[in-house]
Amino acid sequence: MRLIMQLINIGFGNIVSATRIIAIVSPESAPIKRIVQEAKDNGTAIDATYGRKTRAVIIMDSGHVVLSSIQPETVAGRLEKDEETPSEEENKE
């Protein structure tokens, strides 16, 4: 069995593993702000915003919290698009 890793672009050429994503949420609510602050304090926050406003918080199964400057809907749309598109390996078989 061959495992194919799906990667999702979260903006500015930054990519995360789709299979490791637990949630993609907006950073506006107080509980999410606490999660982000705790991740920053623990050293598990990954800031991929390039200094722009954080628009999506991606929570990974490793406990890392990834900050992105693109909308959560955009990230989710890229995730769904990649799931629908068969890989080149599947086309060759």
N, C-alpha and C. Protein backbone atom coordinates (compact mmCIF):
# COMPACT_ATOMS: atom_id res chain seq x y z
N MET A 1 0.84 -1.19 0.00
CA MET A 1 0.00 0.00 0.00
C MET A 1 0.88 1.24 0.00
N ARG A 2 0.56 2.17 -0.87
CA ARG A 2 1.36 3.38 -0.98
C ARG A 2 0.55 4.56 -0.46
N LEU A 3 1.11 5.28 0.48
CA LEU A 3 0.44 6.43 1.08
C LEU A 3 0.80 7.68 0.29
N ILE A 4 -0.23 8.39 -0.15
CA ILE A 4 -0.01 9.64 -0.89
C ILE A 4 -0.35 10.80 0.04
N MET A 5 0.62 11.69 0.24
CA MET A 5 0.41 12.83 1.12
C MET A 5 -0.22 13.97 0.33
N GLN A 6 -1.36 14.46 0.82
CA GLN A 6 -1.99 15.61 0.21
C GLN A 6 -1.49 16.86 0.91
N LEU A 7 -1.10 17.85 0.13
CA LEU A 7 -0.61 19.11 0.66
C LEU A 7 -1.55 20.23 0.26
N ILE A 8 -1.77 21.16 1.17
CA ILE A 8 -2.67 22.29 0.93
C ILE A 8 -1.90 23.59 1.05
N ASN A 9 -2.03 24.45 0.04
CA ASN A 9 -1.40 25.77 0.06
C ASN A 9 -2.20 26.67 0.98
N ILE A 10 -1.54 27.25 1.98
CA ILE A 10 -2.23 28.13 2.93
C ILE A 10 -1.83 29.59 2.72
N GLY A 11 -1.22 29.87 1.58
CA GLY A 11 -0.86 31.24 1.23
C GLY A 11 0.63 31.47 1.23
N PHE A 12 1.08 32.30 0.29
CA PHE A 12 2.48 32.70 0.15
C PHE A 12 3.42 31.51 -0.02
N GLY A 13 2.93 30.47 -0.65
CA GLY A 13 3.75 29.30 -0.90
C GLY A 13 3.93 28.39 0.30
N ASN A 14 3.24 28.66 1.39
CA ASN A 14 3.30 27.80 2.57
C ASN A 14 2.30 26.67 2.41
N ILE A 15 2.74 25.48 2.80
CA ILE A 15 1.95 24.28 2.57
C ILE A 15 1.89 23.45 3.85
N VAL A 16 0.69 22.88 4.11
CA VAL A 16 0.54 21.97 5.24
C VAL A 16 -0.05 20.65 4.74
N SER A 17 0.14 19.61 5.51
CA SER A 17 -0.39 18.30 5.17
C SER A 17 -1.89 18.26 5.46
N ALA A 18 -2.68 17.95 4.45
CA ALA A 18 -4.13 17.93 4.59
C ALA A 18 -4.59 16.85 5.57
N THR A 19 -3.86 15.76 5.63
CA THR A 19 -4.27 14.65 6.50
C THR A 19 -4.02 14.94 7.97
N ARG A 20 -3.25 15.98 8.27
CA ARG A 20 -2.92 16.32 9.66
C ARG A 20 -3.80 17.44 10.21
N ILE A 21 -4.68 18.01 9.38
CA ILE A 21 -5.54 19.12 9.81
C ILE A 21 -6.71 18.58 10.62
N ILE A 22 -6.93 19.18 11.79
CA ILE A 22 -8.09 18.85 12.61
C ILE A 22 -9.20 19.85 12.36
N ALA A 23 -8.85 21.16 12.33
CA ALA A 23 -9.86 22.20 12.16
C ALA A 23 -9.27 23.42 11.48
N ILE A 24 -10.14 24.13 10.75
CA ILE A 24 -9.79 25.42 10.15
C ILE A 24 -10.83 26.39 10.66
N VAL A 25 -10.41 27.36 11.48
CA VAL A 25 -11.37 28.24 12.14
C VAL A 25 -10.98 29.70 11.99
N SER A 26 -11.95 30.56 12.22
CA SER A 26 -11.72 32.01 12.21
C SER A 26 -11.09 32.42 13.54
N PRO A 27 -10.20 33.40 13.54
CA PRO A 27 -9.51 33.79 14.76
C PRO A 27 -10.28 34.79 15.63
N GLU A 28 -11.54 35.07 15.31
CA GLU A 28 -12.27 36.15 15.97
C GLU A 28 -12.77 35.85 17.37
N SER A 29 -13.11 34.60 17.67
CA SER A 29 -13.71 34.31 18.98
C SER A 29 -12.66 34.25 20.08
N ALA A 30 -13.11 34.51 21.30
CA ALA A 30 -12.21 34.50 22.45
C ALA A 30 -11.55 33.14 22.68
N PRO A 31 -12.28 32.01 22.55
CA PRO A 31 -11.61 30.71 22.75
C PRO A 31 -10.48 30.46 21.74
N ILE A 32 -10.68 30.87 20.50
CA ILE A 32 -9.63 30.67 19.50
C ILE A 32 -8.45 31.59 19.78
N LYS A 33 -8.74 32.81 20.22
CA LYS A 33 -7.65 33.73 20.59
C LYS A 33 -6.83 33.14 21.73
N ARG A 34 -7.49 32.46 22.68
CA ARG A 34 -6.76 31.81 23.79
C ARG A 34 -5.91 30.66 23.26
N ILE A 35 -6.45 29.88 22.34
CA ILE A 35 -5.69 28.76 21.75
C ILE A 35 -4.44 29.29 21.05
N VAL A 36 -4.60 30.37 20.29
CA VAL A 36 -3.45 30.97 19.58
C VAL A 36 -2.42 31.48 20.57
N GLN A 37 -2.86 32.17 21.62
CA GLN A 37 -1.92 32.72 22.60
C GLN A 37 -1.18 31.60 23.34
N GLU A 38 -1.90 30.54 23.69
CA GLU A 38 -1.25 29.40 24.35
C GLU A 38 -0.22 28.75 23.43
N ALA A 39 -0.55 28.63 22.15
CA ALA A 39 0.39 28.05 21.19
C ALA A 39 1.63 28.92 21.06
N LYS A 40 1.45 30.24 21.05
CA LYS A 40 2.60 31.14 20.99
C LYS A 40 3.46 30.99 22.23
N ASP A 41 2.83 30.91 23.39
CA ASP A 41 3.57 30.75 24.65
C ASP A 41 4.32 29.43 24.70
N ASN A 42 3.72 28.36 24.14
CA ASN A 42 4.33 27.02 24.17
C ASN A 42 5.32 26.79 23.04
N GLY A 43 5.36 27.70 22.07
CA GLY A 43 6.25 27.52 20.93
C GLY A 43 5.69 26.59 19.87
N THR A 44 4.39 26.37 19.88
CA THR A 44 3.78 25.49 18.88
C THR A 44 2.99 26.26 17.83
N ALA A 45 3.09 27.59 17.85
CA ALA A 45 2.41 28.40 16.83
C ALA A 45 3.33 28.57 15.63
N ILE A 46 2.75 28.45 14.45
CA ILE A 46 3.50 28.66 13.21
C ILE A 46 2.81 29.81 12.48
N ASP A 47 3.50 30.93 12.38
CA ASP A 47 2.92 32.13 11.77
C ASP A 47 3.28 32.17 10.29
N ALA A 48 2.29 31.91 9.44
CA ALA A 48 2.50 31.91 8.00
C ALA A 48 1.77 33.09 7.36
N THR A 49 1.62 34.19 8.12
CA THR A 49 0.87 35.35 7.63
C THR A 49 1.73 36.38 6.92
N TYR A 50 3.04 36.29 7.06
CA TYR A 50 3.96 37.27 6.48
C TYR A 50 3.61 38.69 6.91
N GLY A 51 3.21 38.84 8.17
CA GLY A 51 2.93 40.16 8.72
C GLY A 51 1.54 40.69 8.42
N ARG A 52 0.75 39.93 7.71
CA ARG A 52 -0.62 40.36 7.41
C ARG A 52 -1.57 39.91 8.52
N LYS A 53 -2.81 40.36 8.43
CA LYS A 53 -3.81 40.01 9.43
C LYS A 53 -4.11 38.51 9.37
N THR A 54 -4.22 37.88 10.53
CA THR A 54 -4.58 36.46 10.60
C THR A 54 -6.06 36.31 10.29
N ARG A 55 -6.37 35.53 9.28
CA ARG A 55 -7.76 35.31 8.89
C ARG A 55 -8.20 33.87 9.11
N ALA A 56 -7.24 32.95 9.23
CA ALA A 56 -7.59 31.54 9.48
C ALA A 56 -6.59 30.95 10.47
N VAL A 57 -7.11 30.14 11.37
CA VAL A 57 -6.28 29.41 12.32
C VAL A 57 -6.48 27.93 11.99
N ILE A 58 -5.38 27.26 11.69
CA ILE A 58 -5.42 25.84 11.32
C ILE A 58 -4.85 25.05 12.48
N ILE A 59 -5.67 24.18 13.05
CA ILE A 59 -5.24 23.37 14.18
C ILE A 59 -4.85 22.00 13.65
N MET A 60 -3.62 21.60 13.96
CA MET A 60 -3.06 20.35 13.46
C MET A 60 -3.14 19.26 14.53
N ASP A 61 -3.09 18.01 14.10
CA ASP A 61 -3.16 16.90 15.04
C ASP A 61 -1.91 16.77 15.91
N SER A 62 -0.85 17.46 15.55
CA SER A 62 0.38 17.44 16.33
C SER A 62 0.35 18.43 17.49
N GLY A 63 -0.72 19.23 17.56
CA GLY A 63 -0.82 20.26 18.58
C GLY A 63 -0.34 21.61 18.09
N HIS A 64 0.21 21.67 16.89
CA HIS A 64 0.65 22.94 16.32
C HIS A 64 -0.56 23.74 15.86
N VAL A 65 -0.41 25.05 15.91
CA VAL A 65 -1.45 25.97 15.46
C VAL A 65 -0.83 26.83 14.37
N VAL A 66 -1.39 26.76 13.16
CA VAL A 66 -0.84 27.47 12.01
C VAL A 66 -1.73 28.68 11.74
N LEU A 67 -1.11 29.85 11.64
CA LEU A 67 -1.83 31.09 11.34
C LEU A 67 -1.66 31.42 9.88
N SER A 68 -2.78 31.69 9.20
CA SER A 68 -2.76 31.99 7.78
C SER A 68 -3.50 33.30 7.52
N SER A 69 -3.10 33.99 6.47
CA SER A 69 -3.74 35.26 6.15
C SER A 69 -4.83 35.11 5.09
N ILE A 70 -5.16 33.87 4.72
CA ILE A 70 -6.27 33.67 3.79
C ILE A 70 -7.49 33.18 4.56
N GLN A 71 -8.67 33.39 4.00
CA GLN A 71 -9.92 33.06 4.67
C GLN A 71 -10.05 31.55 4.91
N PRO A 72 -10.71 31.15 6.01
CA PRO A 72 -10.92 29.72 6.27
C PRO A 72 -11.67 29.03 5.12
N GLU A 73 -12.62 29.73 4.50
CA GLU A 73 -13.37 29.16 3.39
C GLU A 73 -12.46 28.84 2.21
N THR A 74 -11.47 29.69 1.99
CA THR A 74 -10.52 29.48 0.90
C THR A 74 -9.67 28.24 1.16
N VAL A 75 -9.18 28.11 2.39
CA VAL A 75 -8.38 26.94 2.75
C VAL A 75 -9.23 25.68 2.60
N ALA A 76 -10.46 25.72 3.10
CA ALA A 76 -11.34 24.56 3.01
C ALA A 76 -11.66 24.24 1.55
N GLY A 77 -11.84 25.26 0.74
CA GLY A 77 -12.10 25.04 -0.68
C GLY A 77 -10.93 24.36 -1.37
N ARG A 78 -9.73 24.74 -1.01
CA ARG A 78 -8.54 24.10 -1.58
C ARG A 78 -8.44 22.65 -1.12
N LEU A 79 -8.84 22.40 0.10
CA LEU A 79 -8.84 21.04 0.64
C LEU A 79 -9.84 20.18 -0.13
N GLU A 80 -11.04 20.69 -0.34
CA GLU A 80 -12.07 19.94 -1.06
C GLU A 80 -11.68 19.72 -2.51
N LYS A 81 -11.09 20.74 -3.16
CA LYS A 81 -10.68 20.62 -4.56
C LYS A 81 -9.63 19.53 -4.72
N ASP A 82 -8.68 19.46 -3.78
CA ASP A 82 -7.63 18.44 -3.86
C ASP A 82 -8.19 17.04 -3.65
N GLU A 83 -9.24 16.90 -2.83
CA GLU A 83 -9.83 15.59 -2.60
C GLU A 83 -10.55 15.08 -3.83
N GLU A 84 -11.14 16.00 -4.62
CA GLU A 84 -11.90 15.62 -5.81
C GLU A 84 -11.00 15.29 -6.99
N THR A 85 -9.81 15.89 -7.06
CA THR A 85 -8.90 15.71 -8.19
C THR A 85 -8.07 14.46 -7.99
N PRO A 86 -8.18 13.47 -8.87
CA PRO A 86 -7.35 12.27 -8.74
C PRO A 86 -5.87 12.62 -8.99
N SER A 87 -5.01 11.96 -8.28
CA SER A 87 -3.59 12.23 -8.45
C SER A 87 -3.07 11.60 -9.73
N GLU A 88 -1.89 12.00 -10.15
CA GLU A 88 -1.28 11.44 -11.36
C GLU A 88 -1.01 9.96 -11.19
N GLU A 89 -0.68 9.53 -9.97
CA GLU A 89 -0.42 8.12 -9.72
C GLU A 89 -1.67 7.29 -9.97
N GLU A 90 -2.85 7.80 -9.57
CA GLU A 90 -4.09 7.06 -9.77
C GLU A 90 -4.43 6.98 -11.26
N ASN A 91 -4.09 8.02 -12.03
CA ASN A 91 -4.38 8.03 -13.45
C ASN A 91 -3.52 7.03 -14.22
N LYS A 92 -2.33 6.73 -13.72
CA LYS A 92 -1.41 5.83 -14.41
C LYS A 92 -1.83 4.37 -14.25
N GLU A 93 -2.56 4.06 -13.18
CA GLU A 93 -2.93 2.67 -12.90
C GLU A 93 -4.06 2.18 -13.74
